[in-house]
Amino acid sequence: RYAKGLADEVEFSPQDCTRSDPEFLVRLFGA
């Protein structure tokens, strides 16, 4: 939300996703 006010576009990435819980990633991406 903060970055969105400072740039034309915002990209979001969680690193180390191959060891991530898929349900948590869905929640994180949704947010």
PDB file of all heavy atoms in Angstrom:
ATOM      1  N   ARG A   1       0.840  -1.205   0.000  1.00  0.00           N
ATOM      2  CA  ARG A   1       0.000   0.000   0.000  1.00  0.00           C
ATOM      3  C   ARG A   1       0.880   1.261   0.000  1.00  0.00           C
ATOM      4  O   ARG A   1       0.626   2.217  -0.728  1.00  0.00           O
ATOM      5  CB  ARG A   1      -0.927  -0.017   1.213  1.00  0.00           C
ATOM      6  CG  ARG A   1      -2.004   1.057   1.164  1.00  0.00           C
ATOM      7  CD  ARG A   1      -3.041   0.889   2.269  1.00  0.00           C
ATOM      8  NE  ARG A   1      -3.923  -0.238   1.983  1.00  0.00           N
ATOM      9  CZ  ARG A   1      -3.970  -1.373   2.696  1.00  0.00           C
ATOM     10  NH1 ARG A   1      -3.206  -1.515   3.747  1.00  0.00           N
ATOM     11  NH2 ARG A   1      -4.783  -2.341   2.362  1.00  0.00           N
ATOM     12  N   TYR A   2       1.935   1.261   0.803  1.00  0.00           N
ATOM     13  CA  TYR A   2       2.840   2.404   0.878  1.00  0.00           C
ATOM     14  C   TYR A   2       3.570   2.614  -0.456  1.00  0.00           C
ATOM     15  O   TYR A   2       3.621   3.730  -0.981  1.00  0.00           O
ATOM     16  CB  TYR A   2       3.841   2.201   2.019  1.00  0.00           C
ATOM     17  CG  TYR A   2       4.786   3.356   2.203  1.00  0.00           C
ATOM     18  CD1 TYR A   2       4.312   4.585   2.661  1.00  0.00           C
ATOM     19  CD2 TYR A   2       6.136   3.236   1.924  1.00  0.00           C
ATOM     20  CE1 TYR A   2       5.175   5.665   2.826  1.00  0.00           C
ATOM     21  CE2 TYR A   2       7.002   4.297   2.084  1.00  0.00           C
ATOM     22  CZ  TYR A   2       6.519   5.512   2.539  1.00  0.00           C
ATOM     23  OH  TYR A   2       7.372   6.585   2.701  1.00  0.00           O
ATOM     24  N   ALA A   3       4.112   1.534  -1.019  1.00  0.00           N
ATOM     25  CA  ALA A   3       4.848   1.625  -2.287  1.00  0.00           C
ATOM     26  C   ALA A   3       3.941   2.079  -3.417  1.00  0.00           C
ATOM     27  O   ALA A   3       4.376   2.801  -4.324  1.00  0.00           O
ATOM     28  CB  ALA A   3       5.487   0.282  -2.616  1.00  0.00           C
ATOM     29  N   LYS A   4       2.679   1.680  -3.363  1.00  0.00           N
ATOM     30  CA  LYS A   4       1.707   2.046  -4.400  1.00  0.00           C
ATOM     31  C   LYS A   4       1.573   3.567  -4.512  1.00  0.00           C
ATOM     32  O   LYS A   4       1.332   4.089  -5.594  1.00  0.00           O
ATOM     33  CB  LYS A   4       0.349   1.405  -4.070  1.00  0.00           C
ATOM     34  CG  LYS A   4      -0.658   1.487  -5.161  1.00  0.00           C
ATOM     35  CD  LYS A   4      -0.309   0.566  -6.309  1.00  0.00           C
ATOM     36  CE  LYS A   4      -1.421   0.627  -7.333  1.00  0.00           C
ATOM     37  NZ  LYS A   4      -1.073  -0.047  -8.561  1.00  0.00           N
ATOM     38  N   GLY A   5       1.786   4.273  -3.421  1.00  0.00           N
ATOM     39  CA  GLY A   5       1.719   5.722  -3.442  1.00  0.00           C
ATOM     40  C   GLY A   5       2.976   6.385  -3.978  1.00  0.00           C
ATOM     41  O   GLY A   5       3.000   7.600  -4.169  1.00  0.00           O
ATOM     42  N   LEU A   6       4.014   5.590  -4.246  1.00  0.00           N
ATOM     43  CA  LEU A   6       5.291   6.153  -4.669  1.00  0.00           C
ATOM     44  C   LEU A   6       5.745   5.729  -6.065  1.00  0.00           C
ATOM     45  O   LEU A   6       6.763   6.219  -6.553  1.00  0.00           O
ATOM     46  CB  LEU A   6       6.384   5.744  -3.655  1.00  0.00           C
ATOM     47  CG  LEU A   6       6.165   6.206  -2.218  1.00  0.00           C
ATOM     48  CD1 LEU A   6       7.217   5.589  -1.304  1.00  0.00           C
ATOM     49  CD2 LEU A   6       6.207   7.721  -2.135  1.00  0.00           C
ATOM     50  N   ALA A   7       5.016   4.806  -6.680  1.00  0.00           N
ATOM     51  CA  ALA A   7       5.426   4.285  -7.986  1.00  0.00           C
ATOM     52  C   ALA A   7       4.203   4.014  -8.850  1.00  0.00           C
ATOM     53  O   ALA A   7       3.089   3.897  -8.342  1.00  0.00           O
ATOM     54  CB  ALA A   7       6.238   3.001  -7.801  1.00  0.00           C
ATOM     55  N   ASP A   8       4.443   3.891 -10.148  1.00  0.00           N
ATOM     56  CA  ASP A   8       3.356   3.572 -11.070  1.00  0.00           C
ATOM     57  C   ASP A   8       2.852   2.151 -10.871  1.00  0.00           C
ATOM     58  O   ASP A   8       1.672   1.869 -11.053  1.00  0.00           O
ATOM     59  CB  ASP A   8       3.829   3.731 -12.521  1.00  0.00           C
ATOM     60  CG  ASP A   8       4.347   5.124 -12.805  1.00  0.00           C
ATOM     61  OD1 ASP A   8       3.609   6.093 -12.513  1.00  0.00           O
ATOM     62  OD2 ASP A   8       5.482   5.255 -13.298  1.00  0.00           O
ATOM     63  N   GLU A   9       3.780   1.260 -10.542  1.00  0.00           N
ATOM     64  CA  GLU A   9       3.449  -0.148 -10.352  1.00  0.00           C
ATOM     65  C   GLU A   9       4.171  -0.684  -9.128  1.00  0.00           C
ATOM     66  O   GLU A   9       5.259  -0.212  -8.787  1.00  0.00           O
ATOM     67  CB  GLU A   9       3.903  -0.989 -11.553  1.00  0.00           C
ATOM     68  CG  GLU A   9       3.301  -0.586 -12.869  1.00  0.00           C
ATOM     69  CD  GLU A   9       3.933  -1.300 -14.050  1.00  0.00           C
ATOM     70  OE1 GLU A   9       4.917  -2.045 -13.882  1.00  0.00           O
ATOM     71  OE2 GLU A   9       3.425  -1.078 -15.156  1.00  0.00           O
ATOM     72  N   VAL A  10       3.547  -1.703  -8.526  1.00  0.00           N
ATOM     73  CA  VAL A  10       4.174  -2.407  -7.408  1.00  0.00           C
ATOM     74  C   VAL A  10       4.145  -3.891  -7.721  1.00  0.00           C
ATOM     75  O   VAL A  10       3.107  -4.436  -8.098  1.00  0.00           O
ATOM     76  CB  VAL A  10       3.463  -2.119  -6.071  1.00  0.00           C
ATOM     77  CG1 VAL A  10       4.046  -2.972  -4.947  1.00  0.00           C
ATOM     78  CG2 VAL A  10       3.550  -0.642  -5.724  1.00  0.00           C
ATOM     79  N   GLU A  11       5.294  -4.506  -7.572  1.00  0.00           N
ATOM     80  CA  GLU A  11       5.421  -5.957  -7.710  1.00  0.00           C
ATOM     81  C   GLU A  11       5.659  -6.525  -6.319  1.00  0.00           C
ATOM     82  O   GLU A  11       6.358  -5.914  -5.503  1.00  0.00           O
ATOM     83  CB  GLU A  11       6.605  -6.272  -8.628  1.00  0.00           C
ATOM     84  CG  GLU A  11       6.833  -7.747  -8.850  1.00  0.00           C
ATOM     85  CD  GLU A  11       7.872  -8.017  -9.923  1.00  0.00           C
ATOM     86  OE1 GLU A  11       8.223  -7.089 -10.676  1.00  0.00           O
ATOM     87  OE2 GLU A  11       8.320  -9.170 -10.011  1.00  0.00           O
ATOM     88  N   PHE A  12       5.094  -7.690  -6.065  1.00  0.00           N
ATOM     89  CA  PHE A  12       5.257  -8.329  -4.758  1.00  0.00           C
ATOM     90  C   PHE A  12       5.768  -9.749  -4.931  1.00  0.00           C
ATOM     91  O   PHE A  12       5.250 -10.496  -5.760  1.00  0.00           O
ATOM     92  CB  PHE A  12       3.934  -8.358  -3.993  1.00  0.00           C
ATOM     93  CG  PHE A  12       4.042  -9.098  -2.687  1.00  0.00           C
ATOM     94  CD1 PHE A  12       4.631  -8.490  -1.589  1.00  0.00           C
ATOM     95  CD2 PHE A  12       3.588 -10.401  -2.568  1.00  0.00           C
ATOM     96  CE1 PHE A  12       4.767  -9.181  -0.382  1.00  0.00           C
ATOM     97  CE2 PHE A  12       3.715 -11.094  -1.378  1.00  0.00           C
ATOM     98  CZ  PHE A  12       4.305 -10.478  -0.280  1.00  0.00           C
ATOM     99  N   SER A  13       6.791 -10.101  -4.140  1.00  0.00           N
ATOM    100  CA  SER A  13       7.364 -11.453  -4.187  1.00  0.00           C
ATOM    101  C   SER A  13       7.675 -11.963  -2.786  1.00  0.00           C
ATOM    102  O   SER A  13       8.312 -11.259  -2.006  1.00  0.00           O
ATOM    103  CB  SER A  13       8.688 -11.456  -4.954  1.00  0.00           C
ATOM    104  OG  SER A  13       8.524 -11.074  -6.273  1.00  0.00           O
ATOM    105  N   PRO A  14       7.250 -13.186  -2.490  1.00  0.00           N
ATOM    106  CA  PRO A  14       7.770 -13.866  -1.302  1.00  0.00           C
ATOM    107  C   PRO A  14       8.894 -14.808  -1.728  1.00  0.00           C
ATOM    108  O   PRO A  14       8.724 -15.591  -2.661  1.00  0.00           O
ATOM    109  CB  PRO A  14       6.554 -14.631  -0.776  1.00  0.00           C
ATOM    110  CG  PRO A  14       5.693 -14.853  -1.964  1.00  0.00           C
ATOM    111  CD  PRO A  14       6.044 -13.802  -2.985  1.00  0.00           C
ATOM    112  N   GLN A  15      10.043 -14.704  -1.098  1.00  0.00           N
ATOM    113  CA  GLN A  15      11.157 -15.573  -1.471  1.00  0.00           C
ATOM    114  C   GLN A  15      11.070 -16.911  -0.737  1.00  0.00           C
ATOM    115  O   GLN A  15      10.323 -17.049   0.221  1.00  0.00           O
ATOM    116  CB  GLN A  15      12.488 -14.888  -1.195  1.00  0.00           C
ATOM    117  CG  GLN A  15      12.761 -14.605   0.259  1.00  0.00           C
ATOM    118  CD  GLN A  15      14.069 -13.869   0.460  1.00  0.00           C
ATOM    119  OE1 GLN A  15      14.772 -13.525  -0.470  1.00  0.00           O
ATOM    120  NE2 GLN A  15      14.403 -13.624   1.705  1.00  0.00           N
ATOM    121  N   ASP A  16      11.828 -17.880  -1.208  1.00  0.00           N
ATOM    122  CA  ASP A  16      11.898 -19.219  -0.633  1.00  0.00           C
ATOM    123  C   ASP A  16      10.552 -19.946  -0.714  1.00  0.00           C
ATOM    124  O   ASP A  16      10.167 -20.695   0.179  1.00  0.00           O
ATOM    125  CB  ASP A  16      12.404 -19.159   0.824  1.00  0.00           C
ATOM    126  CG  ASP A  16      12.957 -20.499   1.309  1.00  0.00           C
ATOM    127  OD1 ASP A  16      13.588 -21.193   0.500  1.00  0.00           O
ATOM    128  OD2 ASP A  16      12.738 -20.841   2.480  1.00  0.00           O
ATOM    129  N   CYS A  17       9.850 -19.715  -1.811  1.00  0.00           N
ATOM    130  CA  CYS A  17       8.492 -20.270  -1.970  1.00  0.00           C
ATOM    131  C   CYS A  17       8.450 -21.780  -2.123  1.00  0.00           C
ATOM    132  O   CYS A  17       7.422 -22.388  -1.841  1.00  0.00           O
ATOM    133  CB  CYS A  17       7.791 -19.624  -3.158  1.00  0.00           C
ATOM    134  SG  CYS A  17       7.244 -17.970  -2.781  1.00  0.00           S
ATOM    135  N   THR A  18       9.534 -22.388  -2.576  1.00  0.00           N
ATOM    136  CA  THR A  18       9.486 -23.848  -2.741  1.00  0.00           C
ATOM    137  C   THR A  18       9.340 -24.555  -1.395  1.00  0.00           C
ATOM    138  O   THR A  18       8.913 -25.699  -1.350  1.00  0.00           O
ATOM    139  CB  THR A  18      10.736 -24.378  -3.470  1.00  0.00           C
ATOM    140  OG1 THR A  18      11.904 -23.998  -2.746  1.00  0.00           O
ATOM    141  CG2 THR A  18      10.790 -23.847  -4.895  1.00  0.00           C
ATOM    142  N   ARG A  19       9.669 -23.872  -0.312  1.00  0.00           N
ATOM    143  CA  ARG A  19       9.493 -24.449   1.031  1.00  0.00           C
ATOM    144  C   ARG A  19       8.321 -23.814   1.772  1.00  0.00           C
ATOM    145  O   ARG A  19       8.194 -23.976   2.981  1.00  0.00           O
ATOM    146  CB  ARG A  19      10.776 -24.280   1.850  1.00  0.00           C
ATOM    147  CG  ARG A  19      11.951 -25.016   1.248  1.00  0.00           C
ATOM    148  CD  ARG A  19      13.134 -25.039   2.164  1.00  0.00           C
ATOM    149  NE  ARG A  19      13.775 -23.732   2.257  1.00  0.00           N
ATOM    150  CZ  ARG A  19      14.872 -23.508   2.952  1.00  0.00           C
ATOM    151  NH1 ARG A  19      15.446 -24.468   3.627  1.00  0.00           N
ATOM    152  NH2 ARG A  19      15.403 -22.303   2.983  1.00  0.00           N
ATOM    153  N   SER A  20       7.491 -23.090   1.056  1.00  0.00           N
ATOM    154  CA  SER A  20       6.369 -22.380   1.676  1.00  0.00           C
ATOM    155  C   SER A  20       5.112 -23.235   1.689  1.00  0.00           C
ATOM    156  O   SER A  20       4.892 -24.056   0.800  1.00  0.00           O
ATOM    157  CB  SER A  20       6.073 -21.087   0.920  1.00  0.00           C
ATOM    158  OG  SER A  20       7.197 -20.250   0.911  1.00  0.00           O
ATOM    159  N   ASP A  21       4.283 -22.989   2.671  1.00  0.00           N
ATOM    160  CA  ASP A  21       2.972 -23.622   2.744  1.00  0.00           C
ATOM    161  C   ASP A  21       2.078 -22.961   1.687  1.00  0.00           C
ATOM    162  O   ASP A  21       1.873 -21.745   1.723  1.00  0.00           O
ATOM    163  CB  ASP A  21       2.396 -23.406   4.150  1.00  0.00           C
ATOM    164  CG  ASP A  21       0.946 -23.832   4.275  1.00  0.00           C
ATOM    165  OD1 ASP A  21       0.539 -24.788   3.599  1.00  0.00           O
ATOM    166  OD2 ASP A  21       0.215 -23.191   5.064  1.00  0.00           O
ATOM    167  N   PRO A  22       1.552 -23.743   0.738  1.00  0.00           N
ATOM    168  CA  PRO A  22       0.736 -23.152  -0.338  1.00  0.00           C
ATOM    169  C   PRO A  22      -0.455 -22.340   0.175  1.00  0.00           C
ATOM    170  O   PRO A  22      -0.780 -21.303  -0.402  1.00  0.00           O
ATOM    171  CB  PRO A  22       0.273 -24.367  -1.152  1.00  0.00           C
ATOM    172  CG  PRO A  22       1.310 -25.409  -0.887  1.00  0.00           C
ATOM    173  CD  PRO A  22       1.746 -25.178   0.535  1.00  0.00           C
ATOM    174  N   GLU A  23      -1.101 -22.788   1.228  1.00  0.00           N
ATOM    175  CA  GLU A  23      -2.241 -22.031   1.762  1.00  0.00           C
ATOM    176  C   GLU A  23      -1.793 -20.682   2.312  1.00  0.00           C
ATOM    177  O   GLU A  23      -2.502 -19.684   2.171  1.00  0.00           O
ATOM    178  CB  GLU A  23      -2.962 -22.854   2.825  1.00  0.00           C
ATOM    179  CG  GLU A  23      -3.717 -24.039   2.251  1.00  0.00           C
ATOM    180  CD  GLU A  23      -4.417 -24.871   3.305  1.00  0.00           C
ATOM    181  OE1 GLU A  23      -4.583 -24.399   4.456  1.00  0.00           O
ATOM    182  OE2 GLU A  23      -4.800 -26.003   2.965  1.00  0.00           O
ATOM    183  N   PHE A  24      -0.627 -20.657   2.929  1.00  0.00           N
ATOM    184  CA  PHE A  24      -0.104 -19.387   3.421  1.00  0.00           C
ATOM    185  C   PHE A  24       0.219 -18.458   2.252  1.00  0.00           C
ATOM    186  O   PHE A  24      -0.063 -17.257   2.297  1.00  0.00           O
ATOM    187  CB  PHE A  24       1.138 -19.587   4.293  1.00  0.00           C
ATOM    188  CG  PHE A  24       1.781 -18.285   4.696  1.00  0.00           C
ATOM    189  CD1 PHE A  24       1.114 -17.376   5.503  1.00  0.00           C
ATOM    190  CD2 PHE A  24       3.045 -17.951   4.233  1.00  0.00           C
ATOM    191  CE1 PHE A  24       1.692 -16.154   5.853  1.00  0.00           C
ATOM    192  CE2 PHE A  24       3.635 -16.736   4.580  1.00  0.00           C
ATOM    193  CZ  PHE A  24       2.958 -15.842   5.388  1.00  0.00           C
ATOM    194  N   LEU A  25       0.800 -18.997   1.181  1.00  0.00           N
ATOM    195  CA  LEU A  25       1.111 -18.167   0.014  1.00  0.00           C
ATOM    196  C   LEU A  25      -0.146 -17.557  -0.587  1.00  0.00           C
ATOM    197  O   LEU A  25      -0.143 -16.385  -0.972  1.00  0.00           O
ATOM    198  CB  LEU A  25       1.857 -18.977  -1.050  1.00  0.00           C
ATOM    199  CG  LEU A  25       3.301 -19.321  -0.741  1.00  0.00           C
ATOM    200  CD1 LEU A  25       3.892 -20.145  -1.877  1.00  0.00           C
ATOM    201  CD2 LEU A  25       4.126 -18.067  -0.497  1.00  0.00           C
ATOM    202  N   VAL A  26      -1.220 -18.338  -0.652  1.00  0.00           N
ATOM    203  CA  VAL A  26      -2.486 -17.806  -1.170  1.00  0.00           C
ATOM    204  C   VAL A  26      -2.937 -16.631  -0.308  1.00  0.00           C
ATOM    205  O   VAL A  26      -3.350 -15.585  -0.815  1.00  0.00           O
ATOM    206  CB  VAL A  26      -3.559 -18.919  -1.235  1.00  0.00           C
ATOM    207  CG1 VAL A  26      -4.941 -18.333  -1.486  1.00  0.00           C
ATOM    208  CG2 VAL A  26      -3.203 -19.946  -2.295  1.00  0.00           C
ATOM    209  N   ARG A  27      -2.835 -16.794   0.991  1.00  0.00           N
ATOM    210  CA  ARG A  27      -3.217 -15.706   1.920  1.00  0.00           C
ATOM    211  C   ARG A  27      -2.314 -14.484   1.729  1.00  0.00           C
ATOM    212  O   ARG A  27      -2.794 -13.347   1.683  1.00  0.00           O
ATOM    213  CB  ARG A  27      -3.120 -16.235   3.348  1.00  0.00           C
ATOM    214  CG  ARG A  27      -3.510 -15.237   4.391  1.00  0.00           C
ATOM    215  CD  ARG A  27      -3.503 -15.889   5.772  1.00  0.00           C
ATOM    216  NE  ARG A  27      -3.450 -14.863   6.773  1.00  0.00           N
ATOM    217  CZ  ARG A  27      -2.724 -14.919   7.868  1.00  0.00           C
ATOM    218  NH1 ARG A  27      -2.013 -15.987   8.144  1.00  0.00           N
ATOM    219  NH2 ARG A  27      -2.726 -13.927   8.721  1.00  0.00           N
ATOM    220  N   LEU A  28      -1.010 -14.721   1.616  1.00  0.00           N
ATOM    221  CA  LEU A  28      -0.046 -13.630   1.460  1.00  0.00           C
ATOM    222  C   LEU A  28      -0.261 -12.893   0.130  1.00  0.00           C
ATOM    223  O   LEU A  28      -0.303 -11.664   0.086  1.00  0.00           O
ATOM    224  CB  LEU A  28       1.379 -14.193   1.545  1.00  0.00           C
ATOM    225  CG  LEU A  28       2.540 -13.223   1.573  1.00  0.00           C
ATOM    226  CD1 LEU A  28       2.411 -12.227   2.725  1.00  0.00           C
ATOM    227  CD2 LEU A  28       3.850 -14.008   1.688  1.00  0.00           C
ATOM    228  N   PHE A  29      -0.434 -13.653  -0.956  1.00  0.00           N
ATOM    229  CA  PHE A  29      -0.703 -13.027  -2.256  1.00  0.00           C
ATOM    230  C   PHE A  29      -2.026 -12.268  -2.234  1.00  0.00           C
ATOM    231  O   PHE A  29      -2.136 -11.179  -2.795  1.00  0.00           O
ATOM    232  CB  PHE A  29      -0.724 -14.066  -3.376  1.00  0.00           C
ATOM    233  CG  PHE A  29       0.633 -14.561  -3.786  1.00  0.00           C
ATOM    234  CD1 PHE A  29       0.850 -15.920  -3.987  1.00  0.00           C
ATOM    235  CD2 PHE A  29       1.692 -13.697  -3.999  1.00  0.00           C
ATOM    236  CE1 PHE A  29       2.090 -16.391  -4.382  1.00  0.00           C
ATOM    237  CE2 PHE A  29       2.934 -14.150  -4.389  1.00  0.00           C
ATOM    238  CZ  PHE A  29       3.137 -15.511  -4.581  1.00  0.00           C
ATOM    239  N   GLY A  30      -3.027 -12.836  -1.588  1.00  0.00           N
ATOM    240  CA  GLY A  30      -4.329 -12.177  -1.495  1.00  0.00           C
ATOM    241  C   GLY A  30      -4.205 -10.829  -0.803  1.00  0.00           C
ATOM    242  O   GLY A  30      -4.823  -9.838  -1.236  1.00  0.00           O
ATOM    243  N   ALA A  31      -3.421 -10.775   0.268  1.00  0.00           N
ATOM    244  CA  ALA A  31      -3.227  -9.511   0.999  1.00  0.00           C
ATOM    245  C   ALA A  31      -2.506  -8.491   0.116  1.00  0.00           C
ATOM    246  O   ALA A  31      -2.857  -7.312   0.100  1.00  0.00           O
ATOM    247  CB  ALA A  31      -2.441  -9.764   2.278  1.00  0.00           C
TER     248      ALA A  31
END
